[in-house]
């Protein structure tokens, strides 16, 4: 999907005009950051968490990066809508004159924006898509979320180490789902485990009975599961425990699907669900304690952070760093160069942007859901793998 010559000319003309406008005293020191997310529809909780984190970061830094005013320009993609994401990204660049773009939850939407990032040389920070290959779509893409390979391959290894010898993989049928299938299989089989079945579930599924019956009949030791966070992940895990599969001895290992913000919907039946993931609001480090305290003070109980919150918070930290590195000038290449090898202390633990791949390196936590004395369901960390790179890129080096 290439930008047309006419659009390239329009972008260039608009950016020139924007540059002229910014030379005026009133606008000379304002840097615009476009925020693309789902602020309506079934995935609106993503947009809420993005906005909570971004607004908090702005408040904490008085909306200034190295002395430059920072303005966030929000646009609603409304879900997995690639055409709309592309249209809004074009408008942000051409009409609004943004120097950076941050956001997006889905692989198709981030890929729809990749060509615009390249042609306009606008650094773009992917906050969620877990497909390993997306950062190769543009030299101006980086990521502050995670990849499926980062969490699913260790989950497969972890399940085997816990005595699980046979597994069924259940995954949503789209690009990150393929990565989940491949990475679960890689981690489990590398240790010596046997995959009995791979079950693909169409996006948007609400009735999981057929898929759970197939899983039940296969009689595995464990189910390795990936669903997009939101209605599908909550719906699948709720159906899983309601069907009695956990009680029947078929353990389930997931990634982000067991995040704390979704556990109340599952109730006490979630106790015992294992997960391998990169963040929990109950992680014990000073940065996370301050992060959670600030969010809950600002937003109340609804401020409890999750993967979307921490990805957005860290994403804006990268933007602020790039603004400082370029002295506020529009220089996408220099901005991207400045974050290669950069390490910041995130609420999730230290994160680094890989100098070679522009992807995130971070800790991965092996966890289990338990009920605390106060009745709260939380993920208890059992072990930590430190500074995990994306295994897919290690196995598939760029040519």
Protein backbone atom coordinates (compact mmCIF):
# COMPACT_ATOMS: atom_id res chain seq x y z
CA UNK A 1 0.00 0.00 0.00
CA UNK A 2 1.94 3.03 -1.32
CA UNK A 3 1.11 6.68 -0.97
CA UNK A 4 0.40 8.25 -4.34
CA UNK A 5 2.67 10.86 -5.89
CA UNK A 6 -0.07 13.44 -5.47
CA UNK A 7 -0.42 12.67 -1.79
CA UNK A 8 3.36 12.77 -1.33
CA UNK A 9 3.36 16.21 -2.95
CA UNK A 10 0.44 17.25 -0.73
CA UNK A 11 2.25 16.03 2.37
CA UNK A 12 5.40 17.88 1.38
CA UNK A 13 3.50 21.07 0.60
CA UNK A 14 1.51 20.86 3.82
CA UNK A 15 4.59 20.21 5.92
CA UNK A 16 6.33 23.19 4.30
CA UNK A 17 3.30 25.36 5.02
CA UNK A 18 3.17 24.03 8.57
CA UNK A 19 6.84 24.84 8.99
CA UNK A 20 6.19 28.40 7.83
CA UNK A 21 3.30 28.70 10.24
CA UNK A 22 5.39 27.40 13.12
CA UNK A 23 7.86 30.19 12.53
CA UNK A 24 5.41 32.66 13.98
CA UNK A 25 5.85 33.64 17.60
CA UNK A 26 2.52 32.16 18.65
CA UNK A 27 3.28 28.66 17.35
CA UNK A 28 7.07 28.56 17.32
CA UNK A 29 7.46 26.19 20.23
CA UNK A 30 4.48 23.82 20.04
CA UNK A 31 5.13 20.24 18.94
CA UNK A 32 2.09 18.19 18.01
CA UNK A 33 1.80 14.47 18.69
CA UNK A 34 -0.99 12.56 16.94
CA UNK A 35 -2.74 9.93 19.06
CA UNK A 36 -4.61 7.19 17.16
CA UNK A 37 -6.75 4.83 19.22
CA UNK A 38 -10.14 3.23 19.79
CA UNK A 39 -12.12 5.78 21.76
CA UNK A 40 -15.52 4.35 20.77
CA UNK A 41 -16.97 0.91 20.08
CA UNK A 42 -16.21 -2.42 21.80
CA UNK A 43 -12.49 -1.67 22.11
CA UNK A 44 -13.01 1.77 23.70
CA UNK A 45 -11.37 0.61 26.97
CA UNK A 46 -8.09 0.73 25.04
CA UNK A 47 -8.62 4.40 24.27
CA UNK A 48 -9.52 5.14 27.88
CA UNK A 49 -6.27 3.57 29.10
CA UNK A 50 -4.23 5.34 26.42
CA UNK A 51 -5.72 8.71 27.35
CA UNK A 52 -5.35 8.13 31.11
CA UNK A 53 -1.63 7.41 30.74
CA UNK A 54 -0.90 10.15 28.20
CA UNK A 55 -2.78 12.82 30.12
CA UNK A 56 -1.00 11.80 33.34
CA UNK A 57 2.40 11.98 31.64
CA UNK A 58 1.55 15.41 30.23
CA UNK A 59 0.43 16.61 33.65
CA UNK A 60 3.57 15.31 35.35
CA UNK A 61 5.79 17.07 32.80
CA UNK A 62 3.62 20.20 32.47
CA UNK A 63 3.21 19.36 28.76
CA UNK A 64 6.81 20.38 28.09
CA UNK A 65 9.64 18.33 26.60
CA UNK A 66 13.07 19.98 26.94
CA UNK A 67 11.39 23.37 27.06
CA UNK A 68 9.07 22.74 24.09
CA UNK A 69 5.29 22.72 24.48
CA UNK A 70 3.74 19.36 23.59
CA UNK A 71 0.17 19.15 22.29
CA UNK A 72 -1.63 15.81 21.93
CA UNK A 73 -4.07 15.58 19.00
CA UNK A 74 -6.50 12.70 19.56
CA UNK A 75 -8.28 10.85 16.73
CA UNK A 76 -10.73 7.95 17.10
CA UNK A 77 -10.04 4.92 14.87
CA UNK A 78 -12.94 3.03 16.44
CA UNK A 79 -11.43 -0.45 16.44
CA UNK A 80 -9.73 -2.63 13.85
CA UNK A 81 -10.38 -0.24 10.94
CA UNK A 82 -7.25 -0.02 8.71
CA UNK A 83 -8.75 2.34 6.12
CA UNK A 84 -9.84 4.78 8.80
CA UNK A 85 -6.47 4.55 10.56
CA UNK A 86 -4.72 5.43 7.30
CA UNK A 87 -7.10 8.33 6.61
CA UNK A 88 -6.66 9.78 10.10
CA UNK A 89 -2.88 9.40 9.96
CA UNK A 90 -2.85 11.33 6.67
CA UNK A 91 -4.98 14.08 8.20
CA UNK A 92 -2.74 14.28 11.25
CA UNK A 93 0.34 14.72 9.07
CA UNK A 94 -1.11 16.92 6.32
CA UNK A 95 -3.68 19.05 8.11
CA UNK A 96 -2.52 19.03 11.73
CA UNK A 97 1.24 18.99 11.12
CA UNK A 98 2.09 16.40 13.77
CA UNK A 99 5.74 15.46 14.20
CA UNK A 100 5.04 12.15 15.94
CA UNK A 101 2.27 9.52 15.95
CA UNK A 102 1.51 7.24 18.88
CA UNK A 103 -1.18 4.61 19.50
CA UNK A 104 -3.04 1.83 17.66
CA UNK A 105 -4.09 -1.55 19.00
CA UNK A 106 -4.23 -3.86 15.97
CA UNK A 107 -1.73 -5.18 13.43
CA UNK A 108 -3.82 -4.17 10.37
CA UNK A 109 -4.14 -0.59 11.62
CA UNK A 110 -0.45 -0.11 12.37
CA UNK A 111 0.44 -1.57 8.98
CA UNK A 112 -2.01 0.82 7.32
CA UNK A 113 -0.09 3.74 8.84
CA UNK A 114 3.41 2.40 8.04
CA UNK A 115 3.70 3.90 4.54
CA UNK A 116 2.63 7.31 5.79
CA UNK A 117 5.25 7.13 8.55
CA UNK A 118 7.89 6.33 5.92
CA UNK A 119 6.92 8.93 3.32
CA UNK A 120 6.48 11.76 5.83
CA UNK A 121 9.37 10.57 8.05
CA UNK A 122 7.12 10.70 11.13
CA UNK A 123 8.31 8.52 14.03
CA UNK A 124 5.39 6.25 14.95
CA UNK A 125 5.14 4.31 18.19
CA UNK A 126 3.03 1.15 18.11
CA UNK A 127 1.45 0.67 21.53
CA UNK A 128 -0.02 -2.79 21.17
CA UNK A 129 0.20 -4.87 17.98
CA UNK A 130 2.01 -8.04 19.01
CA UNK A 131 2.98 -9.19 15.51
CA UNK A 132 6.77 -9.39 15.42
CA UNK A 133 7.20 -8.32 11.81
CA UNK A 134 5.36 -4.97 11.99
CA UNK A 135 8.43 -2.95 12.97
CA UNK A 136 10.00 -4.03 9.68
CA UNK A 137 7.22 -2.27 7.75
CA UNK A 138 8.91 1.12 8.24
CA UNK A 139 12.21 2.42 9.62
CA UNK A 140 10.08 4.97 11.46
CA UNK A 141 8.19 2.37 13.54
CA UNK A 142 9.05 1.28 17.06
CA UNK A 143 7.07 -0.48 19.80
CA UNK A 144 6.43 -0.06 23.54
CA UNK A 145 3.95 -2.93 23.92
CA UNK A 146 5.18 -6.48 23.45
CA UNK A 147 5.37 -9.21 20.82
CA UNK A 148 3.50 -12.50 20.96
CA UNK A 149 6.82 -14.30 20.61
CA UNK A 150 8.14 -12.50 23.71
CA UNK A 151 5.39 -13.95 25.93
CA UNK A 152 4.09 -17.07 24.16
CA UNK A 153 7.40 -18.85 23.58
CA UNK A 154 8.32 -18.53 27.28
CA UNK A 155 4.77 -19.62 28.18
CA UNK A 156 5.23 -22.83 26.19
CA UNK A 157 8.54 -23.49 27.93
CA UNK A 158 7.06 -22.67 31.32
CA UNK A 159 4.09 -25.01 30.82
CA UNK A 160 6.40 -27.91 30.00
CA UNK A 161 8.63 -27.13 32.99
CA UNK A 162 5.50 -27.38 35.17
CA UNK A 163 5.01 -30.98 34.04
CA UNK A 164 2.66 -30.44 31.08
CA UNK A 165 3.59 -32.91 28.32
CA UNK A 166 0.70 -32.44 25.87
CA UNK A 167 -1.03 -29.24 24.77
CA UNK A 168 -3.77 -27.80 22.59
CA UNK A 169 -3.16 -24.30 21.24
CA UNK A 170 -6.22 -22.06 20.85
CA UNK A 171 -5.73 -18.77 19.04
CA UNK A 172 -7.70 -15.98 17.42
CA UNK A 173 -7.38 -16.26 13.65
CA UNK A 174 -5.46 -13.16 12.54
CA UNK A 175 -1.82 -12.06 12.26
CA UNK A 176 -0.89 -11.94 15.97
CA UNK A 177 -2.77 -15.22 16.37
CA UNK A 178 -0.47 -16.88 13.85
CA UNK A 179 2.50 -15.56 15.81
CA UNK A 180 0.94 -16.96 18.99
CA UNK A 181 0.45 -20.39 17.40
CA UNK A 182 4.00 -20.49 16.10
CA UNK A 183 5.59 -19.21 19.30
CA UNK A 184 3.57 -21.39 21.69
CA UNK A 185 4.51 -24.38 19.53
CA UNK A 186 8.16 -23.35 19.39
CA UNK A 187 8.50 -22.96 23.16
CA UNK A 188 6.58 -26.13 24.05
CA UNK A 189 8.16 -28.44 21.46
CA UNK A 190 11.66 -27.11 22.13
CA UNK A 191 11.34 -28.53 25.62
CA UNK A 192 9.96 -31.84 24.37
CA UNK A 193 6.20 -31.30 24.58
CA UNK A 194 3.64 -32.58 22.08
CA UNK A 195 0.99 -30.39 20.42
CA UNK A 196 -2.24 -32.40 19.99
CA UNK A 197 -4.25 -29.79 18.10
CA UNK A 198 -4.18 -26.17 16.95
CA UNK A 199 -7.60 -24.49 17.06
CA UNK A 200 -8.17 -21.19 15.23
CA UNK A 201 -11.07 -19.01 16.39
CA UNK A 202 -12.46 -16.30 14.05
CA UNK A 203 -12.23 -12.70 15.25
CA UNK A 204 -15.45 -11.49 16.81
CA UNK A 205 -16.49 -14.93 18.10
CA UNK A 206 -18.80 -14.82 21.12
CA UNK A 207 -19.87 -18.48 21.34
CA UNK A 208 -16.85 -20.66 22.11
CA UNK A 209 -18.70 -23.92 22.82
CA UNK A 210 -17.60 -25.72 19.63
CA UNK A 211 -13.94 -24.86 20.16
CA UNK A 212 -14.02 -25.81 23.83
CA UNK A 213 -15.63 -29.15 22.98
CA UNK A 214 -12.77 -29.92 20.59
CA UNK A 215 -10.28 -28.97 23.26
CA UNK A 216 -12.02 -31.07 25.88
CA UNK A 217 -12.13 -34.12 23.61
CA UNK A 218 -8.40 -33.83 22.88
CA UNK A 219 -7.67 -34.26 26.63
CA UNK A 220 -4.43 -32.25 26.78
CA UNK A 221 -2.50 -31.48 29.94
CA UNK A 222 -2.71 -27.78 29.16
CA UNK A 223 -4.36 -25.26 26.85
CA UNK A 224 -2.11 -22.51 25.50
CA UNK A 225 -4.42 -19.62 24.61
CA UNK A 226 -4.23 -16.30 22.78
CA UNK A 227 -7.18 -13.94 22.28
CA UNK A 228 -7.13 -10.18 21.61
CA UNK A 229 -7.53 -8.38 24.92
CA UNK A 230 -11.11 -7.25 25.36
CA UNK A 231 -14.42 -9.02 24.72
CA UNK A 232 -12.89 -12.15 23.16
CA UNK A 233 -10.33 -12.85 25.88
CA UNK A 234 -12.82 -12.29 28.71
CA UNK A 235 -15.50 -14.29 26.89
CA UNK A 236 -13.20 -17.22 26.15
CA UNK A 237 -11.75 -17.53 29.65
CA UNK A 238 -15.18 -17.15 31.24
CA UNK A 239 -16.53 -19.94 29.01
CA UNK A 240 -13.44 -22.03 29.82
CA UNK A 241 -13.94 -21.88 33.57
CA UNK A 242 -17.75 -22.13 33.32
CA UNK A 243 -17.35 -25.34 31.34
CA UNK A 244 -15.28 -26.77 34.20
CA UNK A 245 -12.12 -27.38 32.22
CA UNK A 246 -9.86 -26.01 34.96
CA UNK A 247 -11.57 -28.23 37.53
CA UNK A 248 -11.19 -31.13 35.11
CA UNK A 249 -7.43 -30.69 35.29
CA UNK A 250 -6.81 -28.98 31.93
CA UNK A 251 -4.74 -26.00 33.01
CA UNK A 252 -4.68 -22.87 30.86
CA UNK A 253 -1.65 -20.68 30.15
CA UNK A 254 -2.18 -17.25 28.60
CA UNK A 255 -0.46 -13.88 28.12
CA UNK A 256 -2.28 -10.56 28.54
CA UNK A 257 -5.67 -12.29 28.75
CA UNK A 258 -5.37 -12.55 32.55
CA UNK A 259 -4.60 -8.89 33.20
CA UNK A 260 -5.98 -7.52 36.48
CA UNK A 261 -8.45 -5.14 34.86
CA UNK A 262 -10.28 -8.16 33.36
CA UNK A 263 -10.10 -10.54 36.35
CA UNK A 264 -13.23 -9.19 38.11
CA UNK A 265 -15.29 -10.34 35.12
CA UNK A 266 -13.99 -13.88 35.65
CA UNK A 267 -14.41 -13.96 39.43
CA UNK A 268 -12.90 -16.54 41.76
CA UNK A 269 -12.89 -19.14 38.98
CA UNK A 270 -9.84 -17.33 37.59
CA UNK A 271 -7.72 -18.52 40.51
CA UNK A 272 -5.04 -20.87 39.17
CA UNK A 273 -4.84 -19.43 35.65
CA UNK A 274 -1.18 -19.15 34.66
CA UNK A 275 0.14 -16.36 32.49
CA UNK A 276 3.40 -15.12 31.08
CA UNK A 277 3.41 -11.38 30.57
CA UNK A 278 5.30 -8.12 30.86
CA UNK A 279 3.27 -6.07 33.34
CA UNK A 280 1.04 -6.16 36.40
CA UNK A 281 -0.10 -3.16 38.46
CA UNK A 282 1.11 -5.09 41.52
CA UNK A 283 4.72 -5.41 40.43
CA UNK A 284 7.03 -4.43 43.26
CA UNK A 285 9.28 -1.60 42.09
CA UNK A 286 9.39 2.13 42.95
CA UNK A 287 8.40 3.30 39.45
CA UNK A 288 5.31 1.10 39.40
CA UNK A 289 4.20 2.07 42.89
CA UNK A 290 4.41 5.75 41.98
CA UNK A 291 2.66 5.10 38.64
CA UNK A 292 -0.27 3.25 40.21
CA UNK A 293 -0.58 5.80 43.01
CA UNK A 294 -0.69 8.70 40.56
CA UNK A 295 -3.25 7.05 38.29
CA UNK A 296 -5.59 5.97 41.09
CA UNK A 297 -5.32 9.41 42.70
CA UNK A 298 -6.27 11.04 39.39
CA UNK A 299 -8.92 8.56 38.17
CA UNK A 300 -9.99 6.56 41.22
CA UNK A 301 -10.50 2.79 40.99
CA UNK A 302 -10.91 3.11 37.22
CA UNK A 303 -7.30 4.28 37.06
CA UNK A 304 -5.89 0.81 37.74
CA UNK A 305 -3.34 0.46 34.92
CA UNK A 306 -2.94 -2.41 32.47
CA UNK A 307 -0.80 -3.21 29.44
CA UNK A 308 -2.37 -0.38 27.40
CA UNK A 309 -1.69 2.18 30.13
CA UNK A 310 1.96 1.32 30.62
CA UNK A 311 2.61 1.07 26.87
CA UNK A 312 1.17 4.55 26.32
CA UNK A 313 3.07 6.03 29.27
CA UNK A 314 6.37 4.61 28.04
CA UNK A 315 5.53 5.55 24.46
CA UNK A 316 5.17 9.21 25.35
CA UNK A 317 8.44 8.99 27.30
CA UNK A 318 10.09 7.96 24.02
CA UNK A 319 8.48 10.90 22.23
CA UNK A 320 9.74 13.33 24.89
CA UNK A 321 13.23 11.86 24.54
CA UNK A 322 13.14 12.30 20.75
CA UNK A 323 11.97 15.90 21.09
CA UNK A 324 14.92 16.61 23.36
CA UNK A 325 17.39 14.78 21.11
CA UNK A 326 16.31 16.80 18.05
CA UNK A 327 15.94 20.10 19.96
CA UNK A 328 12.31 20.17 18.85
CA UNK A 329 13.14 20.18 15.15
CA UNK A 330 11.34 17.96 12.65
CA UNK A 331 14.00 15.36 11.89
CA UNK A 332 12.44 11.91 11.90
CA UNK A 333 15.66 10.08 11.11
CA UNK A 334 17.60 11.76 13.90
CA UNK A 335 14.68 11.19 16.28
CA UNK A 336 14.59 7.45 15.52
CA UNK A 337 18.38 7.20 15.76
CA UNK A 338 18.24 8.74 19.24
CA UNK A 339 16.18 5.92 20.73
CA UNK A 340 18.25 3.02 19.41
CA UNK A 341 19.74 1.36 22.47
CA UNK A 342 17.86 3.71 24.82
CA UNK A 343 16.95 2.26 28.24
CA UNK A 344 14.29 3.77 30.49
CA UNK A 345 12.99 2.69 33.89
CA UNK A 346 9.38 1.77 33.18
CA UNK A 347 6.72 0.79 35.74
CA UNK A 348 7.08 -2.72 34.28
CA UNK A 349 10.85 -2.75 34.90
CA UNK A 350 13.71 -1.63 32.65
CA UNK A 351 12.92 -1.49 28.92
CA UNK A 352 15.36 -0.95 26.06
CA UNK A 353 14.79 -0.20 22.40
CA UNK A 354 16.90 -2.69 20.46
CA UNK A 355 19.47 -0.73 18.44
CA UNK A 356 19.25 -3.21 15.57
CA UNK A 357 15.52 -3.97 15.32
CA UNK A 358 13.88 -0.89 16.97
CA UNK A 359 11.84 -3.38 18.99
CA UNK A 360 11.38 -3.52 22.75
CA UNK A 361 13.56 -5.58 25.11
CA UNK A 362 11.93 -6.17 28.48
CA UNK A 363 11.42 -8.51 31.42
CA UNK A 364 8.86 -11.31 31.14
CA UNK A 365 7.09 -12.49 34.30
CA UNK A 366 5.80 -16.02 34.95
CA UNK A 367 2.64 -15.69 37.05
CA UNK A 368 -0.45 -17.33 38.51
CA UNK A 369 -3.77 -15.78 39.56
CA UNK A 370 -4.41 -15.92 43.29
CA UNK A 371 -6.84 -14.29 45.71
CA UNK A 372 -5.37 -11.96 48.29
CA UNK A 373 -6.58 -11.66 51.86
CA UNK A 374 -8.55 -8.54 50.95
CA UNK A 375 -10.41 -10.48 48.23
CA UNK A 376 -8.53 -8.91 45.32
CA UNK A 377 -7.58 -11.17 42.40
CA UNK A 378 -3.98 -10.57 41.37
CA UNK A 379 -1.21 -12.14 39.32
CA UNK A 380 1.49 -13.44 41.65
CA UNK A 381 4.93 -13.44 40.05
CA UNK A 382 6.62 -16.83 40.36
CA UNK A 383 9.72 -16.19 38.25
CA UNK A 384 11.24 -13.56 35.97
CA UNK A 385 13.07 -13.81 32.66
CA UNK A 386 15.11 -10.65 32.30
CA UNK A 387 15.79 -8.55 29.19
CA UNK A 388 13.91 -10.78 26.73
CA UNK A 389 14.38 -9.89 23.08
CA UNK A 390 11.79 -10.78 20.46
CA UNK A 391 12.67 -14.43 19.66
CA UNK A 392 11.11 -14.26 16.19
CA UNK A 393 13.58 -11.64 15.06
CA UNK A 394 16.38 -13.72 16.51
CA UNK A 395 15.16 -16.73 14.51
CA UNK A 396 14.36 -14.70 11.37
CA UNK A 397 17.07 -12.06 10.94
CA UNK A 398 16.37 -9.28 8.45
CA UNK A 399 17.95 -9.85 5.04
